[in-house]
């Protein structure tokens, strides 16, 4: 195998502007889509917990649709199929300081809609884990539903929500590669552009794999800090290496 170490180290340690732009755009899309997904998930979870069927069934349909169809199909459908059908076309959005291209808008919305379905179930499970006596205590104090959720339920539910939320963002970082199919120049598409000019496919795809590994590792360390900040229900937080490589779960299985 003709491996060019000079090309590998050059793009790993001194990446070109194309690589840096792709890395920056990957992070921006992942964070924006995750924020949108969390907001949609919170709204959907609260609607799902409602006793009103007019609120419950649209959310059930949304979760069923988003979780039952491939994310890649959702991205292409939102950006390409809607435009081809004359239903809706994403236009570049001038925000004053910069212009947000239509394909990036579609990428963020598609990833956010998909993530919202998963976050809805995570948040609903977190809210359900809070002791029912907390609800009764809040109502006895005359709290409204919104204040009860904000002051009592959601802060306690965060201890259950934070670990899976961190895992979802880890997946989100990697799912950003799918938006390259609609021409978003994230890290994968930036790599493809460089490989088409240099023909050093193995070296450059190894570099992009290391970049993603570095991003997910840094997020794993930040996730550990979040878990310490909000605490775990059992009062124990697994170390970052144990959580990333599954050693904590293996230890618990052996102890059975």
C-alpha atoms as a PDB file:
ATOM      1  CA  UNK A   1       0.000   0.000   0.000  1.00  0.00           C
ATOM      2  CA  UNK A   2       1.357   3.385  -1.038  1.00  0.00           C
ATOM      3  CA  UNK A   3       0.569   5.443   2.064  1.00  0.00           C
ATOM      4  CA  UNK A   4       1.727   9.049   1.846  1.00  0.00           C
ATOM      5  CA  UNK A   5       2.671  10.115   5.365  1.00  0.00           C
ATOM      6  CA  UNK A   6       3.392  13.683   4.279  1.00  0.00           C
ATOM      7  CA  UNK A   7      -0.184  14.171   3.048  1.00  0.00           C
ATOM      8  CA  UNK A   8      -1.608  12.513   6.164  1.00  0.00           C
ATOM      9  CA  UNK A   9       0.316  14.660   8.651  1.00  0.00           C
ATOM     10  CA  UNK A  10      -0.215  17.809   6.611  1.00  0.00           C
ATOM     11  CA  UNK A  11      -4.025  17.551   6.629  1.00  0.00           C
ATOM     12  CA  UNK A  12      -4.153  16.215  10.174  1.00  0.00           C
ATOM     13  CA  UNK A  13      -1.971  18.883  11.804  1.00  0.00           C
ATOM     14  CA  UNK A  14      -2.245  21.721   9.288  1.00  0.00           C
ATOM     15  CA  UNK A  15      -5.667  21.364   7.687  1.00  0.00           C
ATOM     16  CA  UNK A  16      -6.572  23.525   4.717  1.00  0.00           C
ATOM     17  CA  UNK A  17      -9.271  26.203   4.803  1.00  0.00           C
ATOM     18  CA  UNK A  18     -11.705  23.757   3.192  1.00  0.00           C
ATOM     19  CA  UNK A  19     -11.187  21.309   6.051  1.00  0.00           C
ATOM     20  CA  UNK A  20     -11.514  23.995   8.708  1.00  0.00           C
ATOM     21  CA  UNK A  21     -14.728  25.288   7.135  1.00  0.00           C
ATOM     22  CA  UNK A  22     -16.142  21.772   7.015  1.00  0.00           C
ATOM     23  CA  UNK A  23     -15.201  21.174  10.658  1.00  0.00           C
ATOM     24  CA  UNK A  24     -16.769  24.472  11.736  1.00  0.00           C
ATOM     25  CA  UNK A  25     -19.949  23.832   9.736  1.00  0.00           C
ATOM     26  CA  UNK A  26     -20.239  20.320  11.169  1.00  0.00           C
ATOM     27  CA  UNK A  27     -20.193  21.701  14.715  1.00  0.00           C
ATOM     28  CA  UNK A  28     -22.642  24.523  13.893  1.00  0.00           C
ATOM     29  CA  UNK A  29     -25.146  22.173  12.254  1.00  0.00           C
ATOM     30  CA  UNK A  30     -24.869  19.606  15.061  1.00  0.00           C
ATOM     31  CA  UNK A  31     -25.380  22.174  17.843  1.00  0.00           C
ATOM     32  CA  UNK A  32     -28.207  24.005  16.028  1.00  0.00           C
ATOM     33  CA  UNK A  33     -30.056  20.794  15.151  1.00  0.00           C
ATOM     34  CA  UNK A  34     -29.633  19.459  18.690  1.00  0.00           C
ATOM     35  CA  UNK A  35     -31.070  22.646  20.202  1.00  0.00           C
ATOM     36  CA  UNK A  36     -34.016  22.457  17.814  1.00  0.00           C
ATOM     37  CA  UNK A  37     -34.476  18.768  18.619  1.00  0.00           C
ATOM     38  CA  UNK A  38     -34.478  19.436  22.367  1.00  0.00           C
ATOM     39  CA  UNK A  39     -37.088  22.186  22.022  1.00  0.00           C
ATOM     40  CA  UNK A  40     -39.299  20.014  19.823  1.00  0.00           C
ATOM     41  CA  UNK A  41     -38.754  17.037  22.125  1.00  0.00           C
ATOM     42  CA  UNK A  42     -39.769  19.009  25.214  1.00  0.00           C
ATOM     43  CA  UNK A  43     -42.898  20.319  23.512  1.00  0.00           C
ATOM     44  CA  UNK A  44     -43.793  16.870  22.164  1.00  0.00           C
ATOM     45  CA  UNK A  45     -43.195  15.204  25.536  1.00  0.00           C
ATOM     46  CA  UNK A  46     -45.491  17.656  27.323  1.00  0.00           C
ATOM     47  CA  UNK A  47     -48.160  17.169  24.662  1.00  0.00           C
ATOM     48  CA  UNK A  48     -47.774  13.395  24.928  1.00  0.00           C
ATOM     49  CA  UNK A  49     -48.346  13.569  28.693  1.00  0.00           C
ATOM     50  CA  UNK A  50     -51.553  15.530  28.190  1.00  0.00           C
ATOM     51  CA  UNK A  51     -54.881  13.786  28.706  1.00  0.00           C
ATOM     52  CA  UNK A  52     -56.260  15.584  25.639  1.00  0.00           C
ATOM     53  CA  UNK A  53     -56.266  13.196  22.631  1.00  0.00           C
ATOM     54  CA  UNK A  54     -56.066  16.171  20.254  1.00  0.00           C
ATOM     55  CA  UNK A  55     -52.599  16.832  21.677  1.00  0.00           C
ATOM     56  CA  UNK A  56     -51.529  13.215  22.137  1.00  0.00           C
ATOM     57  CA  UNK A  57     -52.244  11.708  18.728  1.00  0.00           C
ATOM     58  CA  UNK A  58     -50.419  14.263  16.530  1.00  0.00           C
ATOM     59  CA  UNK A  59     -47.320  13.718  18.674  1.00  0.00           C
ATOM     60  CA  UNK A  60     -47.677   9.931  18.458  1.00  0.00           C
ATOM     61  CA  UNK A  61     -47.904  10.245  14.670  1.00  0.00           C
ATOM     62  CA  UNK A  62     -44.858  12.548  14.561  1.00  0.00           C
ATOM     63  CA  UNK A  63     -42.731  10.189  16.669  1.00  0.00           C
ATOM     64  CA  UNK A  64     -43.889   7.168  14.650  1.00  0.00           C
ATOM     65  CA  UNK A  65     -43.062   8.885  11.347  1.00  0.00           C
ATOM     66  CA  UNK A  66     -39.651  10.264  12.330  1.00  0.00           C
ATOM     67  CA  UNK A  67     -38.462   7.075  14.025  1.00  0.00           C
ATOM     68  CA  UNK A  68     -39.872   4.803  11.344  1.00  0.00           C
ATOM     69  CA  UNK A  69     -38.233   6.346   8.268  1.00  0.00           C
ATOM     70  CA  UNK A  70     -34.507   6.658   7.478  1.00  0.00           C
ATOM     71  CA  UNK A  71     -32.894   9.978   8.319  1.00  0.00           C
ATOM     72  CA  UNK A  72     -31.285  10.171   4.874  1.00  0.00           C
ATOM     73  CA  UNK A  73     -34.708   9.856   3.238  1.00  0.00           C
ATOM     74  CA  UNK A  74     -36.062  12.626   5.481  1.00  0.00           C
ATOM     75  CA  UNK A  75     -33.201  14.958   4.510  1.00  0.00           C
ATOM     76  CA  UNK A  76     -33.643  14.374   0.776  1.00  0.00           C
ATOM     77  CA  UNK A  77     -37.443  14.581   1.008  1.00  0.00           C
ATOM     78  CA  UNK A  78     -37.367  17.881   2.900  1.00  0.00           C
ATOM     79  CA  UNK A  79     -34.893  19.600   0.594  1.00  0.00           C
ATOM     80  CA  UNK A  80     -35.357  17.938  -2.804  1.00  0.00           C
ATOM     81  CA  UNK A  81     -38.766  16.269  -2.945  1.00  0.00           C
ATOM     82  CA  UNK A  82     -40.728  19.227  -1.553  1.00  0.00           C
ATOM     83  CA  UNK A  83     -39.079  21.541  -4.084  1.00  0.00           C
ATOM     84  CA  UNK A  84     -39.651  19.099  -6.956  1.00  0.00           C
ATOM     85  CA  UNK A  85     -43.315  18.815  -6.007  1.00  0.00           C
ATOM     86  CA  UNK A  86     -43.722  22.587  -5.961  1.00  0.00           C
ATOM     87  CA  UNK A  87     -44.675  22.507  -2.277  1.00  0.00           C
ATOM     88  CA  UNK A  88     -41.802  24.386  -0.666  1.00  0.00           C
ATOM     89  CA  UNK A  89     -38.323  25.448  -1.703  1.00  0.00           C
ATOM     90  CA  UNK A  90     -35.648  26.567   0.740  1.00  0.00           C
ATOM     91  CA  UNK A  91     -34.284  29.964  -0.275  1.00  0.00           C
ATOM     92  CA  UNK A  92     -31.066  31.564   0.935  1.00  0.00           C
ATOM     93  CA  UNK A  93     -31.800  33.636   4.021  1.00  0.00           C
ATOM     94  CA  UNK A  94     -30.078  36.994   4.453  1.00  0.00           C
ATOM     95  CA  UNK A  95     -29.509  37.545   8.188  1.00  0.00           C
ATOM     96  CA  UNK A  96     -27.594  40.792   7.780  1.00  0.00           C
ATOM     97  CA  UNK A  97     -24.182  39.638   9.011  1.00  0.00           C
ATOM     98  CA  UNK A  98     -24.218  36.531   6.819  1.00  0.00           C
ATOM     99  CA  UNK A  99     -26.360  34.598   4.358  1.00  0.00           C
ATOM    100  CA  UNK A 100     -27.707  31.212   5.454  1.00  0.00           C
ATOM    101  CA  UNK A 101     -27.940  28.944   2.384  1.00  0.00           C
ATOM    102  CA  UNK A 102     -31.135  26.978   1.827  1.00  0.00           C
ATOM    103  CA  UNK A 103     -29.452  23.583   1.973  1.00  0.00           C
ATOM    104  CA  UNK A 104     -27.986  24.357   5.423  1.00  0.00           C
ATOM    105  CA  UNK A 105     -31.436  25.449   6.608  1.00  0.00           C
ATOM    106  CA  UNK A 106     -32.882  22.170   5.363  1.00  0.00           C
ATOM    107  CA  UNK A 107     -30.067  20.202   7.012  1.00  0.00           C
ATOM    108  CA  UNK A 108     -30.651  21.785  10.423  1.00  0.00           C
ATOM    109  CA  UNK A 109     -34.436  21.398  10.229  1.00  0.00           C
ATOM    110  CA  UNK A 110     -34.289  17.787   9.012  1.00  0.00           C
ATOM    111  CA  UNK A 111     -31.806  16.744  11.698  1.00  0.00           C
ATOM    112  CA  UNK A 112     -33.744  18.708  14.317  1.00  0.00           C
ATOM    113  CA  UNK A 113     -37.087  17.152  13.382  1.00  0.00           C
ATOM    114  CA  UNK A 114     -35.595  13.683  13.514  1.00  0.00           C
ATOM    115  CA  UNK A 115     -33.880  14.336  16.830  1.00  0.00           C
ATOM    116  CA  UNK A 116     -37.057  15.826  18.303  1.00  0.00           C
ATOM    117  CA  UNK A 117     -38.818  12.470  18.021  1.00  0.00           C
ATOM    118  CA  UNK A 118     -36.111  10.706  20.027  1.00  0.00           C
ATOM    119  CA  UNK A 119     -35.799  13.509  22.556  1.00  0.00           C
ATOM    120  CA  UNK A 120     -39.570  13.424  23.086  1.00  0.00           C
ATOM    121  CA  UNK A 121     -39.332   9.853  24.341  1.00  0.00           C
ATOM    122  CA  UNK A 122     -36.220  10.591  26.422  1.00  0.00           C
ATOM    123  CA  UNK A 123     -37.790  13.626  28.085  1.00  0.00           C
ATOM    124  CA  UNK A 124     -41.079  11.819  28.619  1.00  0.00           C
ATOM    125  CA  UNK A 125     -39.220   8.984  30.345  1.00  0.00           C
ATOM    126  CA  UNK A 126     -37.299  11.498  32.467  1.00  0.00           C
ATOM    127  CA  UNK A 127     -40.480  13.261  33.549  1.00  0.00           C
ATOM    128  CA  UNK A 128     -42.114   9.917  34.284  1.00  0.00           C
ATOM    129  CA  UNK A 129     -39.211   8.979  36.561  1.00  0.00           C
ATOM    130  CA  UNK A 130     -40.011  11.856  38.941  1.00  0.00           C
ATOM    131  CA  UNK A 131     -41.961  10.709  41.971  1.00  0.00           C
ATOM    132  CA  UNK A 132     -45.680  11.430  41.687  1.00  0.00           C
ATOM    133  CA  UNK A 133     -45.626  12.948  45.156  1.00  0.00           C
ATOM    134  CA  UNK A 134     -43.652  15.861  43.696  1.00  0.00           C
ATOM    135  CA  UNK A 135     -46.591  16.706  41.433  1.00  0.00           C
ATOM    136  CA  UNK A 136     -49.044  16.548  44.320  1.00  0.00           C
ATOM    137  CA  UNK A 137     -46.823  18.741  46.501  1.00  0.00           C
ATOM    138  CA  UNK A 138     -46.572  21.346  43.769  1.00  0.00           C
ATOM    139  CA  UNK A 139     -50.304  21.390  43.144  1.00  0.00           C
ATOM    140  CA  UNK A 140     -50.976  21.671  46.869  1.00  0.00           C
ATOM    141  CA  UNK A 141     -48.884  24.858  46.825  1.00  0.00           C
ATOM    142  CA  UNK A 142     -51.065  26.274  44.064  1.00  0.00           C
ATOM    143  CA  UNK A 143     -48.430  26.055  41.319  1.00  0.00           C
ATOM    144  CA  UNK A 144     -49.498  26.244  37.704  1.00  0.00           C
ATOM    145  CA  UNK A 145     -48.509  23.388  35.393  1.00  0.00           C
ATOM    146  CA  UNK A 146     -45.801  25.489  33.738  1.00  0.00           C
ATOM    147  CA  UNK A 147     -44.281  26.557  37.047  1.00  0.00           C
ATOM    148  CA  UNK A 148     -44.515  23.021  38.434  1.00  0.00           C
ATOM    149  CA  UNK A 149     -42.547  21.721  35.466  1.00  0.00           C
ATOM    150  CA  UNK A 150     -39.995  24.538  35.545  1.00  0.00           C
ATOM    151  CA  UNK A 151     -39.348  24.610  39.280  1.00  0.00           C
ATOM    152  CA  UNK A 152     -39.843  21.013  40.454  1.00  0.00           C
ATOM    153  CA  UNK A 153     -40.227  18.329  37.775  1.00  0.00           C
ATOM    154  CA  UNK A 154     -37.751  19.216  35.016  1.00  0.00           C
ATOM    155  CA  UNK A 155     -34.780  19.924  37.335  1.00  0.00           C
ATOM    156  CA  UNK A 156     -35.195  16.442  38.816  1.00  0.00           C
ATOM    157  CA  UNK A 157     -35.845  14.849  35.431  1.00  0.00           C
ATOM    158  CA  UNK A 158     -32.543  16.244  34.112  1.00  0.00           C
ATOM    159  CA  UNK A 159     -30.649  13.628  36.108  1.00  0.00           C
ATOM    160  CA  UNK A 160     -32.324  10.984  33.965  1.00  0.00           C
ATOM    161  CA  UNK A 161     -32.326  12.980  30.717  1.00  0.00           C
ATOM    162  CA  UNK A 162     -28.687  14.152  30.591  1.00  0.00           C
ATOM    163  CA  UNK A 163     -26.931  10.776  29.939  1.00  0.00           C
ATOM    164  CA  UNK A 164     -29.084   9.758  26.927  1.00  0.00           C
ATOM    165  CA  UNK A 165     -29.108  13.379  25.719  1.00  0.00           C
ATOM    166  CA  UNK A 166     -25.315  13.279  25.632  1.00  0.00           C
ATOM    167  CA  UNK A 167     -25.395  10.056  23.644  1.00  0.00           C
ATOM    168  CA  UNK A 168     -27.880  11.587  21.209  1.00  0.00           C
ATOM    169  CA  UNK A 169     -25.563  14.540  20.552  1.00  0.00           C
ATOM    170  CA  UNK A 170     -22.722  12.108  19.932  1.00  0.00           C
ATOM    171  CA  UNK A 171     -24.879  10.478  17.265  1.00  0.00           C
ATOM    172  CA  UNK A 172     -25.860  13.890  15.925  1.00  0.00           C
ATOM    173  CA  UNK A 173     -22.230  14.812  15.288  1.00  0.00           C
ATOM    174  CA  UNK A 174     -21.835  11.710  13.127  1.00  0.00           C
ATOM    175  CA  UNK A 175     -25.206  12.129  11.407  1.00  0.00           C
ATOM    176  CA  UNK A 176     -24.096  15.482  10.005  1.00  0.00           C
ATOM    177  CA  UNK A 177     -22.226  13.515   7.339  1.00  0.00           C
ATOM    178  CA  UNK A 178     -25.601  12.607   5.809  1.00  0.00           C
ATOM    179  CA  UNK A 179     -26.353  16.202   4.824  1.00  0.00           C
ATOM    180  CA  UNK A 180     -23.546  16.058   2.274  1.00  0.00           C
ATOM    181  CA  UNK A 181     -26.121  14.411  -0.007  1.00  0.00           C
ATOM    182  CA  UNK A 182     -27.849  17.814  -0.431  1.00  0.00           C
ATOM    183  CA  UNK A 183     -24.582  19.654  -1.030  1.00  0.00           C
ATOM    184  CA  UNK A 184     -23.828  20.915   2.466  1.00  0.00           C
ATOM    185  CA  UNK A 185     -20.066  21.300   2.701  1.00  0.00           C
ATOM    186  CA  UNK A 186     -19.571  19.724   6.109  1.00  0.00           C
ATOM    187  CA  UNK A 187     -16.506  17.697   7.025  1.00  0.00           C
ATOM    188  CA  UNK A 188     -17.227  14.684   4.821  1.00  0.00           C
ATOM    189  CA  UNK A 189     -18.026  16.671   1.682  1.00  0.00           C
ATOM    190  CA  UNK A 190     -14.981  18.879   2.320  1.00  0.00           C
ATOM    191  CA  UNK A 191     -12.884  15.710   2.413  1.00  0.00           C
ATOM    192  CA  UNK A 192     -14.403  14.505  -0.843  1.00  0.00           C
ATOM    193  CA  UNK A 193     -13.539  17.817  -2.479  1.00  0.00           C
ATOM    194  CA  UNK A 194      -9.917  17.526  -1.362  1.00  0.00           C
ATOM    195  CA  UNK A 195      -9.617  13.881  -2.428  1.00  0.00           C
ATOM    196  CA  UNK A 196     -10.892  14.758  -5.905  1.00  0.00           C
ATOM    197  CA  UNK A 197      -7.950  17.161  -6.236  1.00  0.00           C
ATOM    198  CA  UNK A 198      -5.214  15.117  -4.538  1.00  0.00           C
ATOM    199  CA  UNK A 199      -6.367  11.506  -5.212  1.00  0.00           C
ATOM    200  CA  UNK A 200      -5.134  10.588  -1.705  1.00  0.00           C
ATOM    201  CA  UNK A 201      -8.319   8.836  -0.629  1.00  0.00           C
ATOM    202  CA  UNK A 202      -7.052   6.546   2.135  1.00  0.00           C
ATOM    203  CA  UNK A 203      -4.988   9.207   3.892  1.00  0.00           C
ATOM    204  CA  UNK A 204      -7.708  11.881   3.828  1.00  0.00           C
ATOM    205  CA  UNK A 205     -10.551   9.617   4.928  1.00  0.00           C
ATOM    206  CA  UNK A 206      -8.344   8.450   7.780  1.00  0.00           C
ATOM    207  CA  UNK A 207      -7.875  12.108   8.728  1.00  0.00           C
ATOM    208  CA  UNK A 208     -11.625  12.786   8.726  1.00  0.00           C
ATOM    209  CA  UNK A 209     -12.193   9.682  10.851  1.00  0.00           C
ATOM    210  CA  UNK A 210      -9.661  10.988  13.395  1.00  0.00           C
ATOM    211  CA  UNK A 211     -11.364  14.392  13.388  1.00  0.00           C
ATOM    212  CA  UNK A 212     -14.718  12.820  14.201  1.00  0.00           C
ATOM    213  CA  UNK A 213     -13.119  10.636  16.854  1.00  0.00           C
ATOM    214  CA  UNK A 214     -11.609  13.755  18.433  1.00  0.00           C
ATOM    215  CA  UNK A 215     -14.975  15.559  18.383  1.00  0.00           C
ATOM    216  CA  UNK A 216     -16.857  12.678  19.986  1.00  0.00           C
ATOM    217  CA  UNK A 217     -14.102  12.169  22.575  1.00  0.00           C
ATOM    218  CA  UNK A 218     -14.179  15.833  23.589  1.00  0.00           C
ATOM    219  CA  UNK A 219     -17.938  15.645  23.829  1.00  0.00           C
ATOM    220  CA  UNK A 220     -17.627  12.510  25.985  1.00  0.00           C
ATOM    221  CA  UNK A 221     -15.493  14.441  28.454  1.00  0.00           C
ATOM    222  CA  UNK A 222     -17.982  17.325  28.466  1.00  0.00           C
ATOM    223  CA  UNK A 223     -20.820  14.864  28.948  1.00  0.00           C
ATOM    224  CA  UNK A 224     -19.091  13.511  32.031  1.00  0.00           C
ATOM    225  CA  UNK A 225     -18.928  17.047  33.433  1.00  0.00           C
ATOM    226  CA  UNK A 226     -22.648  17.479  32.722  1.00  0.00           C
ATOM    227  CA  UNK A 227     -23.465  14.257  34.512  1.00  0.00           C
ATOM    228  CA  UNK A 228     -21.448  15.390  37.526  1.00  0.00           C
ATOM    229  CA  UNK A 229     -23.170  18.771  37.419  1.00  0.00           C
ATOM    230  CA  UNK A 230     -26.702  17.426  37.411  1.00  0.00           C
ATOM    231  CA  UNK A 231     -25.943  14.211  39.277  1.00  0.00           C
ATOM    232  CA  UNK A 232     -27.160  10.718  38.662  1.00  0.00           C
ATOM    233  CA  UNK A 233     -30.103   9.069  40.367  1.00  0.00           C
ATOM    234  CA  UNK A 234     -27.835   6.417  41.866  1.00  0.00           C
ATOM    235  CA  UNK A 235     -25.237   8.998  42.944  1.00  0.00           C
ATOM    236  CA  UNK A 236     -22.538   7.422  40.772  1.00  0.00           C
ATOM    237  CA  UNK A 237     -21.042   8.678  37.540  1.00  0.00           C
ATOM    238  CA  UNK A 238     -18.982   6.286  35.468  1.00  0.00           C
ATOM    239  CA  UNK A 239     -15.570   7.507  34.376  1.00  0.00           C
ATOM    240  CA  UNK A 240     -15.239   8.754  30.812  1.00  0.00           C
ATOM    241  CA  UNK A 241     -13.188   5.745  29.570  1.00  0.00           C
ATOM    242  CA  UNK A 242     -15.585   3.298  31.230  1.00  0.00           C
ATOM    243  CA  UNK A 243     -18.618   5.006  29.675  1.00  0.00           C
ATOM    244  CA  UNK A 244     -17.120   5.337  26.190  1.00  0.00           C
ATOM    245  CA  UNK A 245     -15.912   1.734  25.983  1.00  0.00           C
ATOM    246  CA  UNK A 246     -18.783   0.122  27.880  1.00  0.00           C
ATOM    247  CA  UNK A 247     -16.628  -1.166  30.750  1.00  0.00           C
ATOM    248  CA  UNK A 248     -19.108  -0.036  33.388  1.00  0.00           C
ATOM    249  CA  UNK A 249     -21.909  -2.037  31.803  1.00  0.00           C
ATOM    250  CA  UNK A 250     -19.643  -5.122  31.546  1.00  0.00           C
ATOM    251  CA  UNK A 251     -18.802  -4.842  35.238  1.00  0.00           C
ATOM    252  CA  UNK A 252     -22.462  -4.683  36.185  1.00  0.00           C
ATOM    253  CA  UNK A 253     -23.281  -7.719  34.050  1.00  0.00           C
ATOM    254  CA  UNK A 254     -20.523  -9.765  35.661  1.00  0.00           C
ATOM    255  CA  UNK A 255     -21.820  -8.815  39.071  1.00  0.00           C
ATOM    256  CA  UNK A 256     -25.203 -10.400  38.429  1.00  0.00           C
END
